[in-house]
Structures are given as structure tokens and as C-alpha cells.
PDB file of N, CA and C in Angstrom:
ATOM      1  N   UNK A   1       0.853  -1.164   0.000  1.00  0.00           N
ATOM      2  CA  UNK A   1       0.000   0.000   0.000  1.00  0.00           C
ATOM      3  C   UNK A   1       0.901   1.229   0.000  1.00  0.00           C
ATOM      4  N   UNK A   2       0.624   2.180  -0.862  1.00  0.00           N
ATOM      5  CA  UNK A   2       1.427   3.398  -0.931  1.00  0.00           C
ATOM      6  C   UNK A   2       0.514   4.612  -0.979  1.00  0.00           C
ATOM      7  N   UNK A   3       0.954   5.689  -0.355  1.00  0.00           N
ATOM      8  CA  UNK A   3       0.214   6.943  -0.361  1.00  0.00           C
ATOM      9  C   UNK A   3       1.019   7.975  -1.119  1.00  0.00           C
ATOM     10  N   UNK A   4       0.541   8.428  -2.268  1.00  0.00           N
ATOM     11  CA  UNK A   4       1.287   9.427  -3.029  1.00  0.00           C
ATOM     12  C   UNK A   4       1.316  10.770  -2.322  1.00  0.00           C
ATOM     13  N   UNK A   5       2.441  11.448  -2.420  1.00  0.00           N
ATOM     14  CA  UNK A   5       2.578  12.766  -1.791  1.00  0.00           C
ATOM     15  C   UNK A   5       1.613  13.775  -2.384  1.00  0.00           C
ATOM     16  N   UNK A   6       1.402  13.740  -3.686  1.00  0.00           N
ATOM     17  CA  UNK A   6       0.529  14.714  -4.335  1.00  0.00           C
ATOM     18  C   UNK A   6      -0.890  14.621  -3.808  1.00  0.00           C
ATOM     19  N   UNK A   7      -1.366  13.437  -3.506  1.00  0.00           N
ATOM     20  CA  UNK A   7      -2.732  13.263  -3.016  1.00  0.00           C
ATOM     21  C   UNK A   7      -2.918  13.880  -1.640  1.00  0.00           C
ATOM     22  N   UNK A   8      -1.843  14.034  -0.888  1.00  0.00           N
ATOM     23  CA  UNK A   8      -1.962  14.574   0.463  1.00  0.00           C
ATOM     24  C   UNK A   8      -2.228  16.070   0.471  1.00  0.00           C
ATOM     25  N   UNK A   9      -2.046  16.744  -0.637  1.00  0.00           N
ATOM     26  CA  UNK A   9      -2.211  18.189  -0.682  1.00  0.00           C
ATOM     27  C   UNK A   9      -3.512  18.613  -1.359  1.00  0.00           C
ATOM     28  N   UNK A  10      -4.351  17.679  -1.691  1.00  0.00           N
ATOM     29  CA  UNK A  10      -5.603  17.997  -2.372  1.00  0.00           C
ATOM     30  C   UNK A  10      -6.699  18.288  -1.360  1.00  0.00           C
ATOM     31  N   UNK A  11      -7.570  19.187  -1.693  1.00  0.00           N
ATOM     32  CA  UNK A  11      -8.654  19.546  -0.789  1.00  0.00           C
ATOM     33  C   UNK A  11      -9.589  18.390  -0.462  1.00  0.00           C
ATOM     34  N   UNK A  12      -9.965  17.501  -1.410  1.00  0.00           N
ATOM     35  CA  UNK A  12     -10.871  16.399  -1.077  1.00  0.00           C
ATOM     36  C   UNK A  12     -10.360  15.479   0.018  1.00  0.00           C
ATOM     37  N   UNK A  13      -9.057  15.484   0.285  1.00  0.00           N
ATOM     38  CA  UNK A  13      -8.518  14.616   1.316  1.00  0.00           C
ATOM     39  C   UNK A  13      -8.816  15.131   2.715  1.00  0.00           C
ATOM     40  N   UNK A  14      -9.399  16.291   2.832  1.00  0.00           N
ATOM     41  CA  UNK A  14      -9.770  16.811   4.137  1.00  0.00           C
ATOM     42  C   UNK A  14      -8.823  17.854   4.694  1.00  0.00           C
ATOM     43  N   UNK A  15      -7.725  18.115   4.005  1.00  0.00           N
ATOM     44  CA  UNK A  15      -6.798  19.127   4.479  1.00  0.00           C
ATOM     45  C   UNK A  15      -7.292  20.516   4.109  1.00  0.00           C
ATOM     46  N   UNK A  16      -7.107  21.482   4.968  1.00  0.00           N
ATOM     47  CA  UNK A  16      -7.480  22.851   4.601  1.00  0.00           C
ATOM     48  C   UNK A  16      -6.664  23.333   3.409  1.00  0.00           C
ATOM     49  N   UNK A  17      -7.197  24.250   2.649  1.00  0.00           N
ATOM     50  CA  UNK A  17      -6.503  24.725   1.456  1.00  0.00           C
ATOM     51  C   UNK A  17      -5.195  25.425   1.803  1.00  0.00           C
ATOM     52  N   UNK A  18      -5.080  25.995   2.989  1.00  0.00           N
ATOM     53  CA  UNK A  18      -3.857  26.693   3.386  1.00  0.00           C
ATOM     54  C   UNK A  18      -2.856  25.809   4.101  1.00  0.00           C
ATOM     55  N   UNK A  19      -3.066  24.485   4.095  1.00  0.00           N
ATOM     56  CA  UNK A  19      -2.164  23.573   4.796  1.00  0.00           C
ATOM     57  C   UNK A  19      -0.784  23.593   4.165  1.00  0.00           C
ATOM     58  N   UNK A  20       0.207  23.443   4.998  1.00  0.00           N
ATOM     59  CA  UNK A  20       1.584  23.384   4.502  1.00  0.00           C
ATOM     60  C   UNK A  20       1.799  22.077   3.747  1.00  0.00           C
ATOM     61  N   UNK A  21       2.767  22.075   2.844  1.00  0.00           N
ATOM     62  CA  UNK A  21       3.022  20.903   2.020  1.00  0.00           C
ATOM     63  C   UNK A  21       3.641  19.743   2.787  1.00  0.00           C
ATOM     64  N   UNK A  22       4.132  19.984   3.987  1.00  0.00           N
ATOM     65  CA  UNK A  22       4.788  18.922   4.739  1.00  0.00           C
ATOM     66  C   UNK A  22       3.907  18.331   5.845  1.00  0.00           C
ATOM     67  N   UNK A  23       2.599  18.522   5.767  1.00  0.00           N
ATOM     68  CA  UNK A  23       1.700  18.011   6.800  1.00  0.00           C
ATOM     69  C   UNK A  23       1.791  16.488   6.879  1.00  0.00           C
ATOM     70  N   UNK A  24       1.743  15.817   5.750  1.00  0.00           N
ATOM     71  CA  UNK A  24       1.806  14.358   5.751  1.00  0.00           C
ATOM     72  C   UNK A  24       3.153  13.874   6.280  1.00  0.00           C
ATOM     73  N   UNK A  25       4.243  14.513   5.888  1.00  0.00           N
ATOM     74  CA  UNK A  25       5.571  14.128   6.382  1.00  0.00           C
ATOM     75  C   UNK A  25       5.632  14.244   7.899  1.00  0.00           C
ATOM     76  N   UNK A  26       5.065  15.303   8.449  1.00  0.00           N
ATOM     77  CA  UNK A  26       5.063  15.518   9.890  1.00  0.00           C
ATOM     78  C   UNK A  26       4.245  14.445  10.596  1.00  0.00           C
ATOM     79  N   UNK A  27       3.106  14.093  10.047  1.00  0.00           N
ATOM     80  CA  UNK A  27       2.262  13.051  10.644  1.00  0.00           C
ATOM     81  C   UNK A  27       2.951  11.692  10.610  1.00  0.00           C
ATOM     82  N   UNK A  28       3.581  11.362   9.501  1.00  0.00           N
ATOM     83  CA  UNK A  28       4.291  10.084   9.375  1.00  0.00           C
ATOM     84  C   UNK A  28       5.458  10.033  10.361  1.00  0.00           C
ATOM     85  N   UNK A  29       6.180  11.136  10.497  1.00  0.00           N
ATOM     86  CA  UNK A  29       7.300  11.205  11.448  1.00  0.00           C
ATOM     87  C   UNK A  29       6.809  10.933  12.866  1.00  0.00           C
ATOM     88  N   UNK A  30       5.705  11.566  13.232  1.00  0.00           N
ATOM     89  CA  UNK A  30       5.135  11.386  14.564  1.00  0.00           C
ATOM     90  C   UNK A  30       4.675   9.946  14.773  1.00  0.00           C
ATOM     91  N   UNK A  31       4.032   9.376  13.766  1.00  0.00           N
ATOM     92  CA  UNK A  31       3.577   7.996  13.858  1.00  0.00           C
ATOM     93  C   UNK A  31       4.754   7.038  14.006  1.00  0.00           C
ATOM     94  N   UNK A  32       5.820   7.260  13.255  1.00  0.00           N
ATOM     95  CA  UNK A  32       7.008   6.407  13.359  1.00  0.00           C
ATOM     96  C   UNK A  32       7.601   6.464  14.758  1.00  0.00           C
ATOM     97  N   UNK A  33       7.675   7.656  15.343  1.00  0.00           N
ATOM     98  CA  UNK A  33       8.220   7.804  16.705  1.00  0.00           C
ATOM     99  C   UNK A  33       7.369   7.067  17.726  1.00  0.00           C
ATOM    100  N   UNK A  34       6.047   7.170  17.594  1.00  0.00           N
ATOM    101  CA  UNK A  34       5.149   6.486  18.530  1.00  0.00           C
ATOM    102  C   UNK A  34       5.284   4.976  18.410  1.00  0.00           C
ATOM    103  N   UNK A  35       5.358   4.474  17.186  1.00  0.00           N
ATOM    104  CA  UNK A  35       5.520   3.038  16.982  1.00  0.00           C
ATOM    105  C   UNK A  35       6.851   2.546  17.532  1.00  0.00           C
ATOM    106  N   UNK A  36       7.909   3.322  17.322  1.00  0.00           N
ATOM    107  CA  UNK A  36       9.232   2.957  17.825  1.00  0.00           C
ATOM    108  C   UNK A  36       9.234   2.921  19.347  1.00  0.00           C
ATOM    109  N   UNK A  37       8.556   3.863  19.980  1.00  0.00           N
ATOM    110  CA  UNK A  37       8.475   3.928  21.445  1.00  0.00           C
ATOM    111  C   UNK A  37       7.845   2.649  22.003  1.00  0.00           C
ATOM    112  N   UNK A  38       6.883   2.101  21.288  1.00  0.00           N
ATOM    113  CA  UNK A  38       6.194   0.900  21.746  1.00  0.00           C
ATOM    114  C   UNK A  38       6.842  -0.386  21.251  1.00  0.00           C
ATOM    115  N   UNK A  39       7.991  -0.266  20.591  1.00  0.00           N
ATOM    116  CA  UNK A  39       8.751  -1.428  20.159  1.00  0.00           C
ATOM    117  C   UNK A  39       8.256  -2.090  18.888  1.00  0.00           C
ATOM    118  N   UNK A  40       7.428  -1.414  18.140  1.00  0.00           N
ATOM    119  CA  UNK A  40       6.912  -1.978  16.888  1.00  0.00           C
ATOM    120  C   UNK A  40       8.003  -1.955  15.818  1.00  0.00           C
ATOM    121  N   UNK A  41       7.982  -2.931  14.923  1.00  0.00           N
ATOM    122  CA  UNK A  41       8.970  -2.941  13.834  1.00  0.00           C
ATOM    123  C   UNK A  41       8.720  -1.800  12.854  1.00  0.00           C
ATOM    124  N   UNK A  42       9.766  -1.408  12.141  1.00  0.00           N
ATOM    125  CA  UNK A  42       9.657  -0.333  11.154  1.00  0.00           C
ATOM    126  C   UNK A  42       8.896  -0.840   9.941  1.00  0.00           C
ATOM    127  N   UNK A  43       7.693  -0.319   9.736  1.00  0.00           N
ATOM    128  CA  UNK A  43       6.861  -0.787   8.624  1.00  0.00           C
ATOM    129  C   UNK A  43       6.520   0.324   7.635  1.00  0.00           C
ATOM    130  N   UNK A  44       6.722   1.563   8.012  1.00  0.00           N
ATOM    131  CA  UNK A  44       6.392   2.683   7.132  1.00  0.00           C
ATOM    132  C   UNK A  44       7.691   3.165   6.496  1.00  0.00           C
ATOM    133  N   UNK A  45       7.734   3.119   5.173  1.00  0.00           N
ATOM    134  CA  UNK A  45       8.941   3.493   4.448  1.00  0.00           C
ATOM    135  C   UNK A  45       8.637   4.618   3.467  1.00  0.00           C
ATOM    136  N   UNK A  46       9.607   5.486   3.298  1.00  0.00           N
ATOM    137  CA  UNK A  46       9.483   6.579   2.336  1.00  0.00           C
ATOM    138  C   UNK A  46       9.936   6.084   0.976  1.00  0.00           C
ATOM    139  N   UNK A  47       9.126   6.353  -0.039  1.00  0.00           N
ATOM    140  CA  UNK A  47       9.468   6.005  -1.419  1.00  0.00           C
ATOM    141  C   UNK A  47       9.688   7.335  -2.130  1.00  0.00           C
ATOM    142  N   UNK A  48      10.941   7.658  -2.379  1.00  0.00           N
ATOM    143  CA  UNK A  48      11.260   8.960  -2.977  1.00  0.00           C
ATOM    144  C   UNK A  48      10.550   9.174  -4.294  1.00  0.00           C
ATOM    145  N   UNK A  49       9.956  10.359  -4.415  1.00  0.00           N
ATOM    146  CA  UNK A  49       9.260  10.720  -5.635  1.00  0.00           C
ATOM    147  C   UNK A  49       7.873  10.123  -5.765  1.00  0.00           C
ATOM    148  N   UNK A  50       7.489   9.270  -4.810  1.00  0.00           N
ATOM    149  CA  UNK A  50       6.178   8.621  -4.862  1.00  0.00           C
ATOM    150  C   UNK A  50       5.358   8.958  -3.638  1.00  0.00           C
ATOM    151  N   UNK A  51       5.881   8.658  -2.465  1.00  0.00           N
ATOM    152  CA  UNK A  51       5.142   8.899  -1.228  1.00  0.00           C
ATOM    153  C   UNK A  51       5.620   7.950  -0.139  1.00  0.00           C
ATOM    154  N   UNK A  52       4.683   7.229   0.476  1.00  0.00           N
ATOM    155  CA  UNK A  52       5.000   6.337   1.562  1.00  0.00           C
ATOM    156  C   UNK A  52       4.453   4.948   1.276  1.00  0.00           C
ATOM    157  N   UNK A  53       5.082   3.955   1.897  1.00  0.00           N
ATOM    158  CA  UNK A  53       4.670   2.571   1.725  1.00  0.00           C
ATOM    159  C   UNK A  53       4.577   1.927   3.096  1.00  0.00           C
ATOM    160  N   UNK A  54       3.495   1.193   3.334  1.00  0.00           N
ATOM    161  CA  UNK A  54       3.340   0.437   4.579  1.00  0.00           C
ATOM    162  C   UNK A  54       3.542  -1.028   4.232  1.00  0.00           C
ATOM    163  N   UNK A  55       4.570  -1.604   4.814  1.00  0.00           N
ATOM    164  CA  UNK A  55       4.895  -2.996   4.507  1.00  0.00           C
ATOM    165  C   UNK A  55       4.471  -3.894   5.660  1.00  0.00           C
ATOM    166  N   UNK A  56       3.966  -5.056   5.331  1.00  0.00           N
ATOM    167  CA  UNK A  56       3.507  -5.973   6.362  1.00  0.00           C
ATOM    168  C   UNK A  56       4.612  -6.910   6.823  1.00  0.00           C
ATOM    169  N   UNK A  57       5.654  -7.064   6.030  1.00  0.00           N
ATOM    170  CA  UNK A  57       6.772  -7.959   6.427  1.00  0.00           C
ATOM    171  C   UNK A  57       8.079  -7.327   6.135  1.00  0.00           C
TER     172      UNK A  57
END
């Protein structure tokens, strides 16, 4: 499963029109830190030029 970066900046996704372009990056960073704190394996990966990927294994 991958989330394209461009889709994160569109209004239909629920973000306000004045949202900064790095909102998704900030959310993913926070989620990664929380998962790491609880000892979860690294499953969210950045795919340059595409977006993010959640891997199950």
C-alpha cells in the first residue's frame, strides 16, 4: 500500500486549502516515533518521488 505525496495536498482529502506541504511528512514522522516507542517494527517506508509505503513484512 502506498500513499502518493501529491494526493496529500488535495482539498478532497480533508486538508485545509492553506495547509503546509509537509503536513503528511510531519504526521508520518510522529507515527514512526510512537511506533518505535512501543517497540513496533519499522513498517512505514518513504518512497522517494512517490510517497510512503506500509509494509507488512
